[in-house]
Amino acid sequence: MPEVVNLRGHHLLCILTHGGTCSTGGGEEYSPEFTENLRAQIDRINNGAAINIVSGPDDVCAALLREATNTCAHARICTRGTVVRTHDSLALKDVARELQSPPLEAGDTFRLGKGEIARLRQAFAAGTLRDGCKGCPWHAACSEVAGKNFSGARLRPDAVPSPSSRLPRQSYGRFSSDP
């Protein structure tokens, strides 16, 4: 069974721009434990791990769920609230559209290849992959990274294996688009 990173929909957008800190510049930030965990998940993807779509808390959320302070503004509503689920749904819809893929849903597993990352980042920078970002306090920080051609972003298209692939649903999902 391949190594897998479990991600909820909106975290597919977060990994495109994350560069090592989780600060908005406006006073909001995640803990060092959360930030290190997000970096670790991106590094796993850089090293070839597949992405498995989940509904609810994922491998990125895991650090927050262990924290006594529960610094995530969404942690109380991740599994039962509609706000985060709506962001997840919008992000999955946008990602599938940009990748010209069948709809993405929980249980789908795939690897992002260099071509997919390039297409997603181009759409993100153009603003067509941002529906799942509406109302996010990190919107401006991510826009700044995109405006700098993703310089400093931790997800490295040159590091991920190509071509991308969708794995069989029973072992996680569907997908394939890199030549």
C-alpha atoms as a PDB file:
ATOM      1  CA  MET A   1       0.000   0.000   0.000  1.00  0.00           C
ATOM      2  CA  PRO A   2       1.486   3.402  -0.942  1.00  0.00           C
ATOM      3  CA  GLU A   3       2.226   6.098   1.611  1.00  0.00           C
ATOM      4  CA  VAL A   4      -0.783   8.408   1.843  1.00  0.00           C
ATOM      5  CA  VAL A   5      -1.408  11.908   3.197  1.00  0.00           C
ATOM      6  CA  ASN A   6      -5.040  12.380   4.213  1.00  0.00           C
ATOM      7  CA  LEU A   7      -6.262  15.862   3.205  1.00  0.00           C
ATOM      8  CA  ARG A   8      -9.602  17.593   3.432  1.00  0.00           C
ATOM      9  CA  GLY A   9     -10.593  19.627   0.386  1.00  0.00           C
ATOM     10  CA  HIS A  10      -9.502  23.120   1.368  1.00  0.00           C
ATOM     11  CA  HIS A  11      -6.060  21.891   2.430  1.00  0.00           C
ATOM     12  CA  LEU A  12      -5.408  21.074  -1.253  1.00  0.00           C
ATOM     13  CA  LEU A  13      -5.342  24.851  -1.703  1.00  0.00           C
ATOM     14  CA  CYS A  14      -3.258  25.526   1.422  1.00  0.00           C
ATOM     15  CA  ILE A  15      -0.443  23.231   0.290  1.00  0.00           C
ATOM     16  CA  LEU A  16      -0.024  25.231  -2.932  1.00  0.00           C
ATOM     17  CA  THR A  17       1.228  28.346  -1.127  1.00  0.00           C
ATOM     18  CA  HIS A  18       2.469  27.314   2.314  1.00  0.00           C
ATOM     19  CA  GLY A  19       6.022  28.473   2.731  1.00  0.00           C
ATOM     20  CA  GLY A  20       6.928  27.609   6.281  1.00  0.00           C
ATOM     21  CA  THR A  21       4.948  29.926   8.535  1.00  0.00           C
ATOM     22  CA  CYS A  22       1.304  30.038   9.462  1.00  0.00           C
ATOM     23  CA  SER A  23       0.939  33.738  10.139  1.00  0.00           C
ATOM     24  CA  THR A  24      -1.385  36.123   8.367  1.00  0.00           C
ATOM     25  CA  GLY A  25       0.781  39.108   9.164  1.00  0.00           C
ATOM     26  CA  GLY A  26      -2.347  40.502  10.803  1.00  0.00           C
ATOM     27  CA  GLY A  27      -1.835  38.846  14.156  1.00  0.00           C
ATOM     28  CA  GLU A  28      -3.445  35.474  13.469  1.00  0.00           C
ATOM     29  CA  GLU A  29      -1.238  32.426  13.454  1.00  0.00           C
ATOM     30  CA  TYR A  30      -1.172  28.740  14.137  1.00  0.00           C
ATOM     31  CA  SER A  31       1.093  27.131  16.694  1.00  0.00           C
ATOM     32  CA  PRO A  32       4.618  25.938  15.925  1.00  0.00           C
ATOM     33  CA  GLU A  33       3.372  22.325  16.262  1.00  0.00           C
ATOM     34  CA  PHE A  34       0.693  22.883  13.608  1.00  0.00           C
ATOM     35  CA  THR A  35       3.117  24.688  11.301  1.00  0.00           C
ATOM     36  CA  GLU A  36       5.715  21.925  11.584  1.00  0.00           C
ATOM     37  CA  ASN A  37       3.055  19.293  10.934  1.00  0.00           C
ATOM     38  CA  LEU A  38       1.838  21.096   7.794  1.00  0.00           C
ATOM     39  CA  ARG A  39       5.436  21.271   6.549  1.00  0.00           C
ATOM     40  CA  ALA A  40       5.849  17.547   7.270  1.00  0.00           C
ATOM     41  CA  GLN A  41       2.723  16.662   5.264  1.00  0.00           C
ATOM     42  CA  ILE A  42       3.910  18.756   2.297  1.00  0.00           C
ATOM     43  CA  ASP A  43       7.322  17.093   2.513  1.00  0.00           C
ATOM     44  CA  ARG A  44       5.619  13.683   2.390  1.00  0.00           C
ATOM     45  CA  ILE A  45       3.840  14.765  -0.817  1.00  0.00           C
ATOM     46  CA  ASN A  46       7.150  16.055  -2.208  1.00  0.00           C
ATOM     47  CA  ASN A  47       8.582  12.601  -1.507  1.00  0.00           C
ATOM     48  CA  GLY A  48       5.864  10.819  -3.483  1.00  0.00           C
ATOM     49  CA  ALA A  49       3.054  10.210  -1.004  1.00  0.00           C
ATOM     50  CA  ALA A  50      -0.401   9.990  -2.519  1.00  0.00           C
ATOM     51  CA  ILE A  51      -3.176  12.336  -1.375  1.00  0.00           C
ATOM     52  CA  ASN A  52      -6.338  10.737  -0.004  1.00  0.00           C
ATOM     53  CA  ILE A  53      -9.375  13.011   0.220  1.00  0.00           C
ATOM     54  CA  VAL A  54     -11.196  12.842   3.556  1.00  0.00           C
ATOM     55  CA  SER A  55     -14.192  14.632   5.001  1.00  0.00           C
ATOM     56  CA  GLY A  56     -13.462  16.064   8.410  1.00  0.00           C
ATOM     57  CA  PRO A  57     -10.160  16.429  10.246  1.00  0.00           C
ATOM     58  CA  ASP A  58      -7.126  15.243   8.261  1.00  0.00           C
ATOM     59  CA  ASP A  59      -3.400  14.738   8.735  1.00  0.00           C
ATOM     60  CA  VAL A  60      -2.884  18.526   8.739  1.00  0.00           C
ATOM     61  CA  CYS A  61      -5.511  18.983  11.474  1.00  0.00           C
ATOM     62  CA  ALA A  62      -3.934  16.255  13.613  1.00  0.00           C
ATOM     63  CA  ALA A  63      -1.531  18.640  15.335  1.00  0.00           C
ATOM     64  CA  LEU A  64      -4.376  20.929  16.389  1.00  0.00           C
ATOM     65  CA  LEU A  65      -6.450  18.082  17.697  1.00  0.00           C
ATOM     66  CA  ARG A  66      -3.554  17.164  20.034  1.00  0.00           C
ATOM     67  CA  GLU A  67      -3.166  20.712  21.377  1.00  0.00           C
ATOM     68  CA  ALA A  68      -4.755  21.554  24.695  1.00  0.00           C
ATOM     69  CA  THR A  69      -5.286  25.155  23.562  1.00  0.00           C
ATOM     70  CA  ASN A  70      -7.178  24.096  20.422  1.00  0.00           C
ATOM     71  CA  THR A  71      -5.914  27.149  18.509  1.00  0.00           C
ATOM     72  CA  CYS A  72      -7.712  26.247  15.281  1.00  0.00           C
ATOM     73  CA  ALA A  73     -10.713  28.524  14.808  1.00  0.00           C
ATOM     74  CA  HIS A  74     -12.433  25.722  12.904  1.00  0.00           C
ATOM     75  CA  ALA A  75     -11.604  22.798  15.201  1.00  0.00           C
ATOM     76  CA  ARG A  76     -14.968  22.882  16.967  1.00  0.00           C
ATOM     77  CA  ILE A  77     -16.877  22.704  13.679  1.00  0.00           C
ATOM     78  CA  CYS A  78     -14.647  20.528  11.477  1.00  0.00           C
ATOM     79  CA  THR A  79     -16.830  17.471  11.730  1.00  0.00           C
ATOM     80  CA  ARG A  80     -20.300  18.924  12.319  1.00  0.00           C
ATOM     81  CA  GLY A  81     -20.283  22.477  11.009  1.00  0.00           C
ATOM     82  CA  THR A  82     -21.120  23.590   7.519  1.00  0.00           C
ATOM     83  CA  VAL A  83     -18.558  26.386   7.063  1.00  0.00           C
ATOM     84  CA  VAL A  84     -15.450  24.229   6.760  1.00  0.00           C
ATOM     85  CA  ARG A  85     -17.317  21.529   4.855  1.00  0.00           C
ATOM     86  CA  THR A  86     -18.493  24.181   2.395  1.00  0.00           C
ATOM     87  CA  HIS A  87     -14.893  25.354   1.925  1.00  0.00           C
ATOM     88  CA  ASP A  88     -13.847  21.741   1.372  1.00  0.00           C
ATOM     89  CA  SER A  89     -16.605  21.147  -1.175  1.00  0.00           C
ATOM     90  CA  LEU A  90     -15.833  24.341  -3.101  1.00  0.00           C
ATOM     91  CA  ALA A  91     -12.116  23.559  -3.145  1.00  0.00           C
ATOM     92  CA  LEU A  92     -12.698  20.006  -4.423  1.00  0.00           C
ATOM     93  CA  LYS A  93     -15.008  21.296  -7.147  1.00  0.00           C
ATOM     94  CA  ASP A  94     -12.439  23.898  -8.253  1.00  0.00           C
ATOM     95  CA  VAL A  95      -9.525  21.440  -8.189  1.00  0.00           C
ATOM     96  CA  ALA A  96     -11.443  18.837 -10.225  1.00  0.00           C
ATOM     97  CA  ARG A  97     -12.434  21.501 -12.770  1.00  0.00           C
ATOM     98  CA  GLU A  98      -8.871  22.776 -13.158  1.00  0.00           C
ATOM     99  CA  LEU A  99      -7.506  19.259 -13.527  1.00  0.00           C
ATOM    100  CA  GLN A 100     -10.314  18.312 -15.917  1.00  0.00           C
ATOM    101  CA  SER A 101     -11.045  15.453 -13.574  1.00  0.00           C
ATOM    102  CA  PRO A 102     -14.209  13.659 -12.525  1.00  0.00           C
ATOM    103  CA  PRO A 103     -15.584  15.152  -9.278  1.00  0.00           C
ATOM    104  CA  LEU A 104     -13.344  14.603  -6.267  1.00  0.00           C
ATOM    105  CA  GLU A 105     -14.822  13.190  -3.093  1.00  0.00           C
ATOM    106  CA  ALA A 106     -13.832  11.506   0.151  1.00  0.00           C
ATOM    107  CA  GLY A 107     -12.053   8.250  -0.605  1.00  0.00           C
ATOM    108  CA  ASP A 108     -10.398   9.477  -3.808  1.00  0.00           C
ATOM    109  CA  THR A 109      -6.640   9.102  -3.765  1.00  0.00           C
ATOM    110  CA  PHE A 110      -4.167  10.476  -6.277  1.00  0.00           C
ATOM    111  CA  ARG A 111      -0.678  11.824  -6.724  1.00  0.00           C
ATOM    112  CA  LEU A 112      -0.076  15.339  -7.928  1.00  0.00           C
ATOM    113  CA  GLY A 113       2.452  15.483 -10.726  1.00  0.00           C
ATOM    114  CA  LYS A 114       4.433  18.478 -11.903  1.00  0.00           C
ATOM    115  CA  GLY A 115       1.786  19.327 -14.521  1.00  0.00           C
ATOM    116  CA  GLU A 116      -1.086  19.304 -12.018  1.00  0.00           C
ATOM    117  CA  ILE A 117       0.780  21.501  -9.569  1.00  0.00           C
ATOM    118  CA  ALA A 118       1.574  23.976 -12.358  1.00  0.00           C
ATOM    119  CA  ARG A 119      -2.081  24.072 -13.499  1.00  0.00           C
ATOM    120  CA  LEU A 120      -3.397  24.459  -9.959  1.00  0.00           C
ATOM    121  CA  ARG A 121      -0.949  27.223  -9.154  1.00  0.00           C
ATOM    122  CA  GLN A 122      -1.725  29.067 -12.378  1.00  0.00           C
ATOM    123  CA  ALA A 123      -5.450  28.913 -11.571  1.00  0.00           C
ATOM    124  CA  PHE A 124      -4.805  29.904  -7.950  1.00  0.00           C
ATOM    125  CA  ALA A 125      -2.804  32.956  -9.035  1.00  0.00           C
ATOM    126  CA  ALA A 126      -5.516  33.876 -11.551  1.00  0.00           C
ATOM    127  CA  GLY A 127      -8.153  33.646  -8.822  1.00  0.00           C
ATOM    128  CA  THR A 128     -10.133  30.822 -10.429  1.00  0.00           C
ATOM    129  CA  LEU A 129      -9.169  28.290  -7.749  1.00  0.00           C
ATOM    130  CA  ARG A 130     -10.098  30.363  -4.710  1.00  0.00           C
ATOM    131  CA  ASP A 131     -13.769  29.604  -3.945  1.00  0.00           C
ATOM    132  CA  GLY A 132     -12.668  27.428  -1.018  1.00  0.00           C
ATOM    133  CA  CYS A 133     -10.637  30.363   0.353  1.00  0.00           C
ATOM    134  CA  LYS A 134     -13.537  32.790   0.845  1.00  0.00           C
ATOM    135  CA  GLY A 135     -13.384  34.298   4.315  1.00  0.00           C
ATOM    136  CA  CYS A 136     -10.028  32.689   5.160  1.00  0.00           C
ATOM    137  CA  PRO A 137      -7.785  34.935   7.289  1.00  0.00           C
ATOM    138  CA  TRP A 138      -4.771  33.660   5.305  1.00  0.00           C
ATOM    139  CA  HIS A 139      -6.204  34.814   1.945  1.00  0.00           C
ATOM    140  CA  ALA A 140      -3.922  37.872   1.672  1.00  0.00           C
ATOM    141  CA  ALA A 141      -0.824  35.934   2.757  1.00  0.00           C
ATOM    142  CA  CYS A 142      -1.505  33.222   0.155  1.00  0.00           C
ATOM    143  CA  SER A 143      -2.187  35.856  -2.504  1.00  0.00           C
ATOM    144  CA  GLU A 144       1.203  37.383  -1.753  1.00  0.00           C
ATOM    145  CA  VAL A 145       2.935  34.023  -2.270  1.00  0.00           C
ATOM    146  CA  ALA A 146       1.034  33.476  -5.522  1.00  0.00           C
ATOM    147  CA  GLY A 147       1.962  37.006  -6.628  1.00  0.00           C
ATOM    148  CA  LYS A 148       5.621  36.082  -6.199  1.00  0.00           C
ATOM    149  CA  ASN A 149       5.221  33.074  -8.524  1.00  0.00           C
ATOM    150  CA  PHE A 150       5.042  30.763  -5.475  1.00  0.00           C
ATOM    151  CA  SER A 151       8.635  31.565  -4.571  1.00  0.00           C
ATOM    152  CA  GLY A 152       9.333  30.064  -1.171  1.00  0.00           C
ATOM    153  CA  ALA A 153       6.367  27.682  -1.263  1.00  0.00           C
ATOM    154  CA  ARG A 154       7.248  24.327   0.250  1.00  0.00           C
ATOM    155  CA  LEU A 155       5.436  22.145  -2.329  1.00  0.00           C
ATOM    156  CA  ARG A 156       8.070  21.626  -5.006  1.00  0.00           C
ATOM    157  CA  PRO A 157       6.817  20.502  -8.419  1.00  0.00           C
ATOM    158  CA  ASP A 158      10.341  19.422  -9.340  1.00  0.00           C
ATOM    159  CA  ALA A 159      10.403  17.051  -6.355  1.00  0.00           C
ATOM    160  CA  VAL A 160       7.147  15.174  -6.922  1.00  0.00           C
ATOM    161  CA  PRO A 161       7.161  12.077  -9.082  1.00  0.00           C
ATOM    162  CA  SER A 162       5.566  12.304 -12.522  1.00  0.00           C
ATOM    163  CA  PRO A 163       3.369  11.361 -14.121  1.00  0.00           C
ATOM    164  CA  SER A 164       0.533  11.833 -11.682  1.00  0.00           C
ATOM    165  CA  SER A 165      -1.824   8.991 -11.144  1.00  0.00           C
ATOM    166  CA  ARG A 166      -5.153   8.172  -9.646  1.00  0.00           C
ATOM    167  CA  LEU A 167      -5.031   5.023  -7.631  1.00  0.00           C
ATOM    168  CA  PRO A 168      -7.750   2.352  -7.774  1.00  0.00           C
ATOM    169  CA  ARG A 169     -10.666   3.354  -5.548  1.00  0.00           C
ATOM    170  CA  GLN A 170     -10.400   0.312  -3.310  1.00  0.00           C
ATOM    171  CA  SER A 171      -6.882   1.386  -2.452  1.00  0.00           C
ATOM    172  CA  TYR A 172      -8.014   4.988  -2.505  1.00  0.00           C
ATOM    173  CA  GLY A 173      -9.341   6.701  -5.648  1.00  0.00           C
ATOM    174  CA  ARG A 174      -9.025   7.684  -9.292  1.00  0.00           C
ATOM    175  CA  PHE A 175      -6.985  10.029 -11.499  1.00  0.00           C
ATOM    176  CA  SER A 176      -4.406  10.482 -14.249  1.00  0.00           C
ATOM    177  CA  SER A 177      -3.505  13.509 -16.335  1.00  0.00           C
ATOM    178  CA  ASP A 178       0.219  14.140 -16.718  1.00  0.00           C
ATOM    179  CA  PRO A 179       1.539  12.984 -20.114  1.00  0.00           C
END
